[in-house]
Protein backbone atom coordinates (compact mmCIF):
# COMPACT_ATOMS: atom_id res chain seq x y z
CA MET A 1 51.30 -27.48 33.55
CA THR A 2 52.68 -24.28 31.99
CA TYR A 3 50.93 -23.04 28.86
CA ASP A 4 52.17 -20.46 26.39
CA ALA A 5 50.75 -17.79 24.08
CA TRP A 6 52.30 -15.38 21.60
CA PHE A 7 51.50 -12.99 18.76
CA ARG A 8 51.54 -14.11 15.12
CA ASP A 9 50.39 -12.73 11.78
CA ALA A 10 46.59 -13.17 11.67
CA GLU A 11 46.48 -13.58 7.90
CA THR A 12 49.31 -16.07 7.35
CA GLY A 13 49.73 -17.64 10.78
CA ASN A 14 53.47 -16.99 10.48
CA GLY A 15 55.90 -15.17 12.75
CA ARG A 16 56.23 -15.08 16.50
CA TRP A 17 56.35 -12.09 18.81
CA GLU A 18 56.16 -12.42 22.58
CA LEU A 19 53.22 -10.86 24.37
CA ASP A 20 55.65 -8.67 26.32
CA GLU A 21 56.66 -6.96 23.07
CA ILE A 22 54.89 -3.76 22.07
CA VAL A 23 53.77 -4.70 18.59
CA TYR A 24 50.40 -4.25 16.87
CA ARG A 25 51.08 -5.29 13.26
CA SER A 26 53.29 -7.73 11.39
CA PRO A 27 56.21 -6.43 9.27
CA SER A 28 53.92 -6.61 6.23
CA GLY A 29 51.38 -4.34 7.96
CA GLY A 30 48.82 -7.04 8.73
CA LEU A 31 46.92 -7.44 11.97
CA LEU A 32 48.20 -9.84 14.61
CA GLU A 33 46.42 -12.50 16.61
CA VAL A 34 47.25 -14.33 19.83
CA ALA A 35 48.19 -17.95 19.23
CA HIS A 36 48.00 -20.65 21.90
CA ASP A 37 49.84 -23.93 22.29
CA LEU A 38 46.79 -25.97 21.34
CA PRO A 39 48.63 -29.33 21.14
CA LEU A 40 49.66 -28.88 24.78
CA LEU A 41 46.18 -27.70 25.74
CA LYS A 42 44.74 -30.82 24.09
CA ALA A 43 46.70 -32.97 26.53
CA ARG A 44 43.77 -32.32 28.86
CA SER A 45 40.55 -33.94 27.67
CA ALA A 46 37.52 -31.94 26.58
CA ALA A 47 35.68 -33.27 29.61
CA GLY A 48 38.58 -32.13 31.78
CA TRP A 49 38.40 -28.56 30.45
CA MET A 50 34.64 -28.39 30.91
CA LYS A 51 34.91 -29.67 34.46
CA LEU A 52 37.71 -27.22 35.33
CA TRP A 53 35.98 -24.19 33.84
CA ASP A 54 32.61 -25.11 35.37
CA SER A 55 34.24 -25.48 38.79
CA ARG A 56 35.53 -21.89 38.61
CA TYR A 57 32.50 -20.22 37.05
CA LYS A 58 31.33 -17.24 39.15
CA ARG A 59 33.18 -18.47 42.24
CA THR A 60 35.34 -16.38 44.56
CA GLN A 61 38.84 -17.79 43.95
CA TRP A 62 40.93 -14.96 42.48
CA PRO A 63 41.01 -14.35 39.57
CA PHE A 64 39.09 -17.36 38.27
CA GLY A 65 35.59 -16.22 39.24
CA SER A 66 35.67 -13.79 36.34
CA GLY A 67 34.00 -15.06 33.18
CA VAL A 68 37.23 -14.22 31.34
CA TRP A 69 39.87 -15.37 33.82
CA GLY A 70 38.08 -18.62 34.53
CA LYS A 71 39.48 -19.61 31.11
CA LYS A 72 42.93 -18.14 31.84
CA GLU A 73 44.78 -21.03 30.16
CA LEU A 74 43.10 -20.12 26.86
CA VAL A 75 43.24 -16.35 27.36
CA LEU A 76 46.49 -15.08 28.86
CA PRO A 77 48.37 -17.96 30.52
CA ASN A 78 51.72 -16.19 30.74
CA ILE A 79 51.13 -13.66 33.53
CA PRO A 80 51.00 -14.30 37.28
CA ASP A 81 47.58 -14.12 38.92
CA GLU A 82 48.61 -11.16 41.07
CA HIS A 83 49.10 -9.01 37.95
CA VAL A 84 45.56 -9.61 36.70
CA VAL A 85 43.31 -6.52 36.73
CA SER A 86 39.74 -7.78 37.00
CA LEU A 87 36.45 -6.10 37.84
CA ASP A 88 34.49 -9.36 37.81
CA GLU A 89 33.68 -9.09 34.11
CA GLY A 90 31.79 -11.78 32.21
CA GLY A 91 29.36 -14.19 33.79
CA THR A 92 26.53 -12.11 32.36
CA ASN A 93 22.95 -13.27 32.07
CA LEU A 94 21.93 -15.42 29.11
CA PHE A 95 18.34 -14.25 29.20
CA TRP A 96 15.54 -16.41 27.83
CA ALA A 97 13.48 -13.81 25.95
CA GLU A 98 10.41 -15.99 26.27
CA ARG A 99 7.72 -13.34 25.80
CA PHE A 100 9.41 -11.50 22.93
CA GLY A 101 10.29 -14.80 21.28
CA ARG A 102 6.67 -15.90 21.51
CA GLU A 103 5.55 -12.66 19.85
CA ILE A 104 7.90 -13.07 16.88
CA GLY A 105 7.47 -16.84 16.51
CA LEU A 106 10.80 -17.90 17.98
CA PRO A 107 10.31 -19.78 21.26
CA ASP A 108 14.02 -20.57 21.74
CA LEU A 109 15.29 -16.97 21.68
CA TRP A 110 18.00 -15.83 24.09
CA VAL A 111 19.70 -12.49 24.70
CA LYS A 112 23.26 -12.50 26.01
CA GLN A 113 23.30 -9.46 28.28
CA CYS A 114 26.91 -8.35 27.92
CA GLY A 115 25.95 -4.85 28.99
CA VAL A 116 25.25 -6.04 32.54
CA SER A 117 28.91 -5.57 33.33
CA HIS A 118 31.11 -3.20 35.33
CA THR A 119 31.16 -0.35 32.80
CA GLY A 120 27.97 -1.38 31.02
CA SER A 121 29.32 -2.98 27.86
CA PHE A 122 31.02 -6.07 26.46
CA LYS A 123 34.23 -4.03 26.10
CA ASP A 124 35.09 -5.01 29.69
CA LEU A 125 35.83 -8.54 28.43
CA GLY A 126 38.70 -7.40 26.24
CA MET A 127 39.95 -4.58 28.41
CA THR A 128 40.64 -6.77 31.43
CA VAL A 129 43.09 -8.77 29.30
CA LEU A 130 44.84 -5.81 27.72
CA VAL A 131 45.21 -3.81 30.95
CA SER A 132 46.36 -6.93 32.81
CA GLN A 133 49.12 -7.46 30.25
CA VAL A 134 50.21 -3.81 30.51
CA ASN A 135 50.09 -4.03 34.31
CA HIS A 136 52.27 -7.13 34.12
CA MET A 137 54.83 -5.48 31.83
CA VAL A 138 55.03 -2.39 34.07
CA ARG A 139 55.13 -4.21 37.43
CA SER A 140 57.68 -6.76 36.23
CA GLY A 141 59.93 -4.03 34.80
CA LYS A 142 59.80 -5.49 31.30
CA ARG A 143 58.63 -2.28 29.62
CA LYS A 144 58.52 1.41 30.48
CA ILE A 145 54.99 2.45 29.56
CA LEU A 146 53.59 5.83 30.56
CA GLY A 147 49.97 4.86 30.12
CA VAL A 148 47.30 3.47 27.84
CA ALA A 149 45.35 5.19 25.05
CA CYS A 150 42.37 4.51 22.81
CA ALA A 151 40.03 6.04 20.29
CA SER A 152 36.41 5.36 21.08
CA THR A 153 32.75 5.79 20.23
CA GLY A 154 32.07 5.65 23.97
CA ASP A 155 32.17 2.11 25.33
CA THR A 156 35.87 1.38 24.77
CA SER A 157 36.87 4.60 26.53
CA ALA A 158 34.64 3.78 29.50
CA ALA A 159 36.16 0.32 29.86
CA LEU A 160 39.76 1.48 29.41
CA ALA A 161 39.35 4.30 31.94
CA ALA A 162 37.88 2.01 34.60
CA TYR A 163 40.45 -0.78 34.23
CA ALA A 164 43.35 1.65 34.01
CA ALA A 165 42.11 3.39 37.16
CA ALA A 166 41.91 0.04 38.96
CA ALA A 167 45.51 -0.69 37.93
CA GLY A 168 46.78 2.80 38.73
CA LEU A 169 47.72 3.46 35.10
CA PRO A 170 47.15 6.82 33.36
CA ALA A 171 44.60 6.62 30.53
CA VAL A 172 44.11 8.85 27.49
CA VAL A 173 40.90 8.60 25.45
CA LEU A 174 40.11 10.26 22.12
CA LEU A 175 36.41 10.80 21.42
CA PRO A 176 34.52 12.37 18.51
CA ARG A 177 33.00 15.55 19.91
CA ASN A 178 29.20 15.52 20.34
CA LYS A 179 28.89 12.04 18.85
CA ILE A 180 28.54 9.90 21.98
CA SER A 181 25.95 9.75 24.74
CA ALA A 182 26.25 11.78 27.94
CA ALA A 183 26.49 8.59 30.01
CA GLN A 184 29.39 7.32 27.90
CA LEU A 185 31.18 10.68 28.07
CA ILE A 186 31.04 10.98 31.85
CA GLN A 187 32.47 7.52 32.51
CA PRO A 188 36.12 8.20 31.54
CA ILE A 189 35.90 11.65 33.07
CA ALA A 190 34.78 10.14 36.39
CA ASN A 191 37.57 7.55 36.23
CA ASN A 192 40.18 10.32 35.87
CA ALA A 193 41.18 9.62 32.27
CA LEU A 194 42.49 12.44 30.09
CA THR A 195 39.39 12.82 27.92
CA LEU A 196 39.98 14.54 24.57
CA ALA A 197 36.89 15.48 22.54
CA LEU A 198 38.04 16.03 18.97
CA ASP A 199 36.48 17.70 15.94
CA THR A 200 36.41 14.51 13.88
CA ASP A 201 34.62 11.17 13.72
CA PHE A 202 35.72 7.85 15.22
CA ASP A 203 37.82 6.98 12.18
CA GLY A 204 39.70 10.27 12.57
CA CYS A 205 40.25 9.52 16.28
CA MET A 206 41.51 6.06 15.34
CA ARG A 207 44.09 7.48 12.94
CA LEU A 208 45.29 9.92 15.58
CA VAL A 209 45.62 7.37 18.37
CA GLN A 210 47.72 5.13 16.14
CA GLN A 211 50.06 8.07 15.53
CA LEU A 212 50.05 8.95 19.23
CA THR A 213 51.19 5.44 20.21
CA GLU A 214 53.90 5.04 17.54
CA ASP A 215 56.76 5.86 19.95
CA LYS A 216 55.49 3.17 22.38
CA LYS A 217 55.31 5.50 25.37
CA LEU A 218 51.55 4.94 25.39
CA TYR A 219 50.13 1.46 24.81
CA LEU A 220 47.41 1.19 22.16
CA ALA A 221 44.19 -0.21 23.62
CA ASN A 222 41.89 -0.46 20.58
CA SER A 223 40.74 -3.82 19.23
CA MET A 224 43.40 -3.80 16.51
CA ASN A 225 45.48 -4.85 19.53
CA SER A 226 44.74 -8.56 19.52
CA LEU A 227 44.96 -8.87 23.30
CA ARG A 228 41.46 -7.36 23.39
CA VAL A 229 40.16 -10.19 21.21
CA GLU A 230 41.33 -12.76 23.77
CA GLY A 231 38.87 -11.41 26.30
CA GLN A 232 36.06 -10.76 23.85
CA LYS A 233 36.22 -14.30 22.48
CA THR A 234 35.09 -15.63 25.85
CA VAL A 235 31.53 -14.44 25.20
CA GLY A 236 31.13 -17.31 22.72
CA ILE A 237 32.75 -19.81 25.06
CA GLU A 238 30.50 -18.60 27.88
CA ILE A 239 27.36 -18.93 25.74
CA ALA A 240 28.30 -22.57 25.11
CA GLN A 241 29.00 -23.07 28.80
CA GLN A 242 25.65 -21.56 29.82
CA PHE A 243 23.91 -24.00 27.44
CA ASP A 244 25.74 -26.89 29.17
CA TRP A 245 28.32 -26.91 26.35
CA GLU A 246 25.78 -27.05 23.56
CA ILE A 247 25.87 -24.64 20.62
CA PRO A 248 22.98 -22.47 19.39
CA ASP A 249 22.00 -22.50 15.73
CA TRP A 250 22.40 -18.76 15.18
CA ILE A 251 24.12 -15.81 16.84
CA PHE A 252 23.26 -12.22 15.86
CA ILE A 253 25.83 -9.62 16.94
CA PRO A 254 26.16 -5.88 16.22
CA GLY A 255 29.27 -4.90 14.25
CA GLY A 256 31.18 -1.61 14.15
CA ASN A 257 34.97 -1.86 14.33
CA LEU A 258 34.41 -5.65 13.88
CA GLY A 259 36.73 -6.96 16.59
CA ASN A 260 33.76 -8.66 18.26
CA VAL A 261 32.91 -10.69 15.14
CA SER A 262 36.39 -12.15 14.70
CA ALA A 263 36.61 -12.68 18.48
CA LEU A 264 33.38 -14.67 18.55
CA TYR A 265 34.65 -16.97 15.81
CA LYS A 266 38.06 -17.36 17.47
CA GLY A 267 36.54 -18.57 20.73
CA PHE A 268 34.40 -21.15 18.97
CA GLU A 269 37.26 -22.32 16.75
CA GLU A 270 39.53 -22.90 19.74
CA ILE A 271 37.05 -24.87 21.85
CA ARG A 272 36.19 -26.91 18.77
CA GLU A 273 39.90 -27.69 18.43
CA LEU A 274 39.90 -28.82 22.07
CA GLY A 275 37.00 -31.18 21.32
CA ILE A 276 34.52 -29.34 23.53
CA ILE A 277 32.13 -28.57 20.66
CA SER A 278 31.76 -30.18 17.25
CA ARG A 279 30.37 -27.29 15.20
CA ILE A 280 30.30 -23.50 15.00
CA PRO A 281 26.98 -21.61 14.91
CA ARG A 282 25.89 -19.43 12.01
CA ILE A 283 26.90 -15.89 12.90
CA VAL A 284 25.23 -12.77 11.52
CA CYS A 285 27.09 -9.47 11.80
CA CYS A 286 24.51 -6.70 12.07
CA GLN A 287 25.26 -3.14 10.96
CA ALA A 288 23.36 0.13 11.06
CA GLU A 289 22.43 1.24 7.55
CA ALA A 290 24.12 4.58 8.30
CA ALA A 291 27.45 2.84 8.99
CA ASN A 292 27.48 -0.28 6.83
CA PRO A 293 30.77 -0.77 4.95
CA LEU A 294 30.92 -4.48 5.78
CA TYR A 295 27.35 -5.03 4.57
CA ARG A 296 28.16 -3.29 1.30
CA SER A 297 31.19 -5.52 0.82
CA TYR A 298 29.16 -8.63 1.64
CA LYS A 299 26.58 -7.70 -0.99
CA THR A 300 29.35 -7.69 -3.63
CA GLY A 301 30.27 -11.25 -2.68
CA TRP A 302 33.31 -9.91 -0.80
CA LYS A 303 34.80 -8.79 -4.12
CA GLU A 304 35.56 -5.29 -2.87
CA PHE A 305 35.58 -3.19 0.26
CA HIS A 306 35.36 0.59 0.41
CA PRO A 307 35.55 2.65 3.61
CA ILE A 308 32.70 5.13 3.96
CA THR A 309 31.97 8.21 6.02
CA ALA A 310 29.59 6.87 8.63
CA GLN A 311 26.43 8.94 9.05
CA ALA A 312 24.56 9.83 12.23
CA THR A 313 22.80 6.87 13.85
CA GLN A 314 21.15 6.06 17.15
CA ALA A 315 23.64 3.17 17.30
CA SER A 316 26.50 5.59 17.90
CA ALA A 317 28.92 2.99 19.26
CA ILE A 318 29.01 1.29 15.85
CA ARG A 319 29.16 4.52 13.84
CA ILE A 320 32.37 3.45 12.13
CA GLY A 321 33.05 3.72 8.41
CA ASP A 322 36.57 2.27 8.22
CA PRO A 323 36.70 -0.67 10.65
CA VAL A 324 40.22 -1.60 11.69
CA SER A 325 39.43 -5.28 12.31
CA ARG A 326 37.87 -5.72 8.86
CA PRO A 327 40.47 -8.26 7.54
CA LYS A 328 39.97 -10.63 10.47
CA ALA A 329 36.18 -10.31 10.35
CA ILE A 330 35.92 -10.93 6.61
CA LYS A 331 38.29 -13.90 6.80
CA ALA A 332 36.21 -15.49 9.58
CA LEU A 333 32.86 -14.78 7.91
CA GLN A 334 34.07 -16.25 4.62
CA CYS A 335 35.54 -19.32 6.31
CA HIS A 336 32.34 -20.16 8.21
CA ASP A 337 29.68 -18.97 5.76
CA GLY A 338 28.74 -16.09 8.03
CA ARG A 339 26.15 -13.49 7.07
CA VAL A 340 25.89 -9.70 7.22
CA GLU A 341 22.66 -7.69 7.46
CA GLN A 342 21.74 -4.06 8.03
CA ALA A 343 18.97 -2.15 9.79
CA SER A 344 17.58 1.32 9.14
CA GLU A 345 17.00 3.87 11.89
CA GLN A 346 13.28 3.07 11.78
CA GLU A 347 13.88 -0.67 12.00
CA LEU A 348 16.38 -0.57 14.85
CA ALA A 349 14.31 1.87 16.91
CA ASP A 350 11.11 -0.15 16.52
CA ALA A 351 12.82 -3.49 17.19
CA SER A 352 14.38 -2.13 20.37
CA ALA A 353 11.06 -0.63 21.53
CA GLN A 354 9.09 -3.78 20.73
CA ALA A 355 11.51 -5.92 22.73
CA ASP A 356 11.55 -3.38 25.58
CA ARG A 357 7.79 -3.88 25.93
CA THR A 358 8.49 -7.50 26.95
CA GLY A 359 10.88 -6.63 29.80
CA LEU A 360 14.18 -5.96 28.04
CA PHE A 361 15.90 -2.55 28.04
CA ASN A 362 17.96 -2.52 24.89
CA CYS A 363 20.75 -0.30 23.68
CA PRO A 364 20.33 0.85 20.06
CA HIS A 365 23.06 -1.54 18.91
CA THR A 366 21.08 -4.47 20.27
CA GLY A 367 18.16 -2.92 18.40
CA VAL A 368 20.21 -3.30 15.21
CA ALA A 369 20.73 -7.00 15.91
CA LEU A 370 17.07 -7.55 16.80
CA ALA A 371 15.93 -5.78 13.62
CA CYS A 372 18.23 -7.97 11.55
CA LEU A 373 16.86 -11.06 13.28
CA LEU A 374 13.31 -9.99 12.39
CA LYS A 375 14.37 -9.77 8.73
CA PHE A 376 15.79 -13.29 8.83
CA ILE A 377 12.58 -14.59 10.37
CA ALA A 378 10.45 -12.80 7.77
CA ARG A 379 12.50 -14.35 4.96
CA GLY A 380 12.22 -17.81 6.50
CA GLU A 381 15.97 -18.13 6.97
CA VAL A 382 15.68 -18.60 10.73
CA LYS A 383 13.28 -21.42 11.54
CA ARG A 384 10.86 -21.55 14.47
CA SER A 385 12.59 -24.67 15.82
CA GLU A 386 16.07 -23.12 15.92
CA ARG A 387 17.89 -21.75 18.94
CA VAL A 388 18.98 -18.14 18.47
CA VAL A 389 21.17 -15.90 20.61
CA VAL A 390 21.27 -12.13 20.20
CA VAL A 391 24.38 -10.57 21.74
CA SER A 392 23.42 -7.38 23.56
CA THR A 393 26.63 -5.39 23.61
CA ALA A 394 25.75 -2.56 26.02
CA HIS A 395 23.26 -1.51 28.67
CA GLY A 396 20.27 0.55 27.58
CA LEU A 397 20.89 2.99 30.44
CA LYS A 398 23.89 4.33 28.50
CA PHE A 399 21.59 5.47 25.67
CA THR A 400 18.54 7.00 27.32
CA GLU A 401 18.52 10.02 24.98
CA SER A 402 17.41 7.93 22.00
CA LYS A 403 14.76 6.12 24.06
CA ALA A 404 13.42 9.42 25.40
CA ALA A 405 13.29 10.83 21.87
CA TYR A 406 11.40 7.75 20.64
CA HIS A 407 8.73 7.82 23.34
CA LEU A 408 8.52 11.54 24.17
CA ASN A 409 8.09 13.10 20.73
CA GLY A 410 11.74 13.28 19.72
CA PRO A 411 12.90 14.43 17.38
CA LEU A 412 14.50 11.18 16.23
CA PRO A 413 15.60 11.64 12.60
CA GLY A 414 14.27 9.06 10.18
CA VAL A 415 11.91 7.48 12.72
CA VAL A 416 8.14 7.53 13.13
CA PRO A 417 7.67 5.45 16.30
CA SER A 418 5.49 2.34 15.95
CA TYR A 419 5.50 1.53 19.67
CA PRO A 420 5.55 4.87 21.50
CA ASN A 421 4.55 5.05 25.13
CA PRO A 422 4.28 8.77 25.85
CA MET A 423 4.12 10.11 29.35
CA VAL A 424 0.70 11.39 30.46
CA GLU A 425 0.75 14.65 32.40
CA LEU A 426 -2.24 15.31 34.66
CA SER A 427 -3.40 17.47 37.51
CA SER A 428 -3.37 15.84 40.94
CA ASP A 429 -7.08 15.07 40.71
CA ARG A 430 -8.35 11.63 41.76
CA GLN A 431 -10.91 11.34 38.98
CA ALA A 432 -8.46 12.44 36.28
CA VAL A 433 -5.93 9.84 37.44
CA TYR A 434 -8.62 7.13 37.63
CA ASP A 435 -9.88 7.92 34.13
CA ALA A 436 -6.34 7.80 32.71
CA VAL A 437 -5.76 4.39 34.30
CA MET A 438 -9.03 3.01 32.94
CA ARG A 439 -8.30 4.31 29.41
CA HIS A 440 -4.92 2.59 29.58
CA MET A 441 -6.49 -0.71 30.68
CA GLU A 442 -9.06 -0.45 27.88
CA ARG A 443 -6.31 0.00 25.30
CA THR A 444 -4.34 -2.85 26.82
CA PHE A 445 -7.10 -5.44 27.11
CA GLY A 446 -9.55 -4.22 24.46
């Protein structure tokens, strides 16, 4: 059976633009979304979709072993399989955080490890879809595109550079100078992207890349391009699949440019429409206090929204003061009674370190989500009996500077570490080493 998908106005649901068109906004200036032929998709039963997607999950049949392309009919059904650009994204561990959950009184706590991916972040999920569509347009001769471009706080640029390199497409990335980690910076450089470090913040880079792509010679790869959302929405579908198609009670997810929040809702809404699930979990968008425009709007009852100048934060990938995907995120949060919370630098650093002591290795953005979860537990809003998933958006290895500063006497502005584990430097003397070990065991066991 042949399925179809197209762009439409995300706010009104009106209009139709083919996916082969280079269009990012509706004539009224609103964001677009990808629509699917759900009546045709519903011709297959819910049981049929679950069986099909389970049969493909993490297998070797190209391209369906990918956690994204295993749901190709609901992602990007229009392109031939040979035009797909996949680096085996998705299929990441849904980790039962048993020890950490026990410590905080939440025995059914899970961490979706999206950072255990090719470039180390959940951005791979969306980028495989966008670059595949560009690859299709170029290889089929439908559009003359010189390359792909994005603004980034680090993870988007890494994903775009890798997928573009795999497709043989030139990539251009705009980064705020000295505002991303060394690991994030070297990724696009290593993948041969033109890497431009600019004297501005992410919001300034975002304005520039929109201007740079106006003539359509370069294809815009930020999440205001709704193709990205089609890949990112699969994280919610995959969480349901990993729970044998059951839905958790809560999902906590970090929010910066806010494409991930609307994507999460979109995935759940679509599989609910297909009859696979009957409800949508409560979703909490978690922001750093230093970059919290959505939280501020939420606290007004959504009556107003004001962009801000985001301040320095350990959670640099969500250091965004004017999120492009704000309209979609607010619409989804309002529709489903979603929540927004914030975390200070102290709270996110301590939450990340506390969880790390139980075997995790969290990025600071996951620390934001964990800190927000701790607030919900303290207020009694999340119950001990409920199943909770925290979406970890990137790998901790991309942010070792902040961890080193926390444990090795910083400085880490605004933070007095509650769980430091400083390195002990000793001479190579047997007795000195033995004494240090025994002191450590005494502290550990009392």
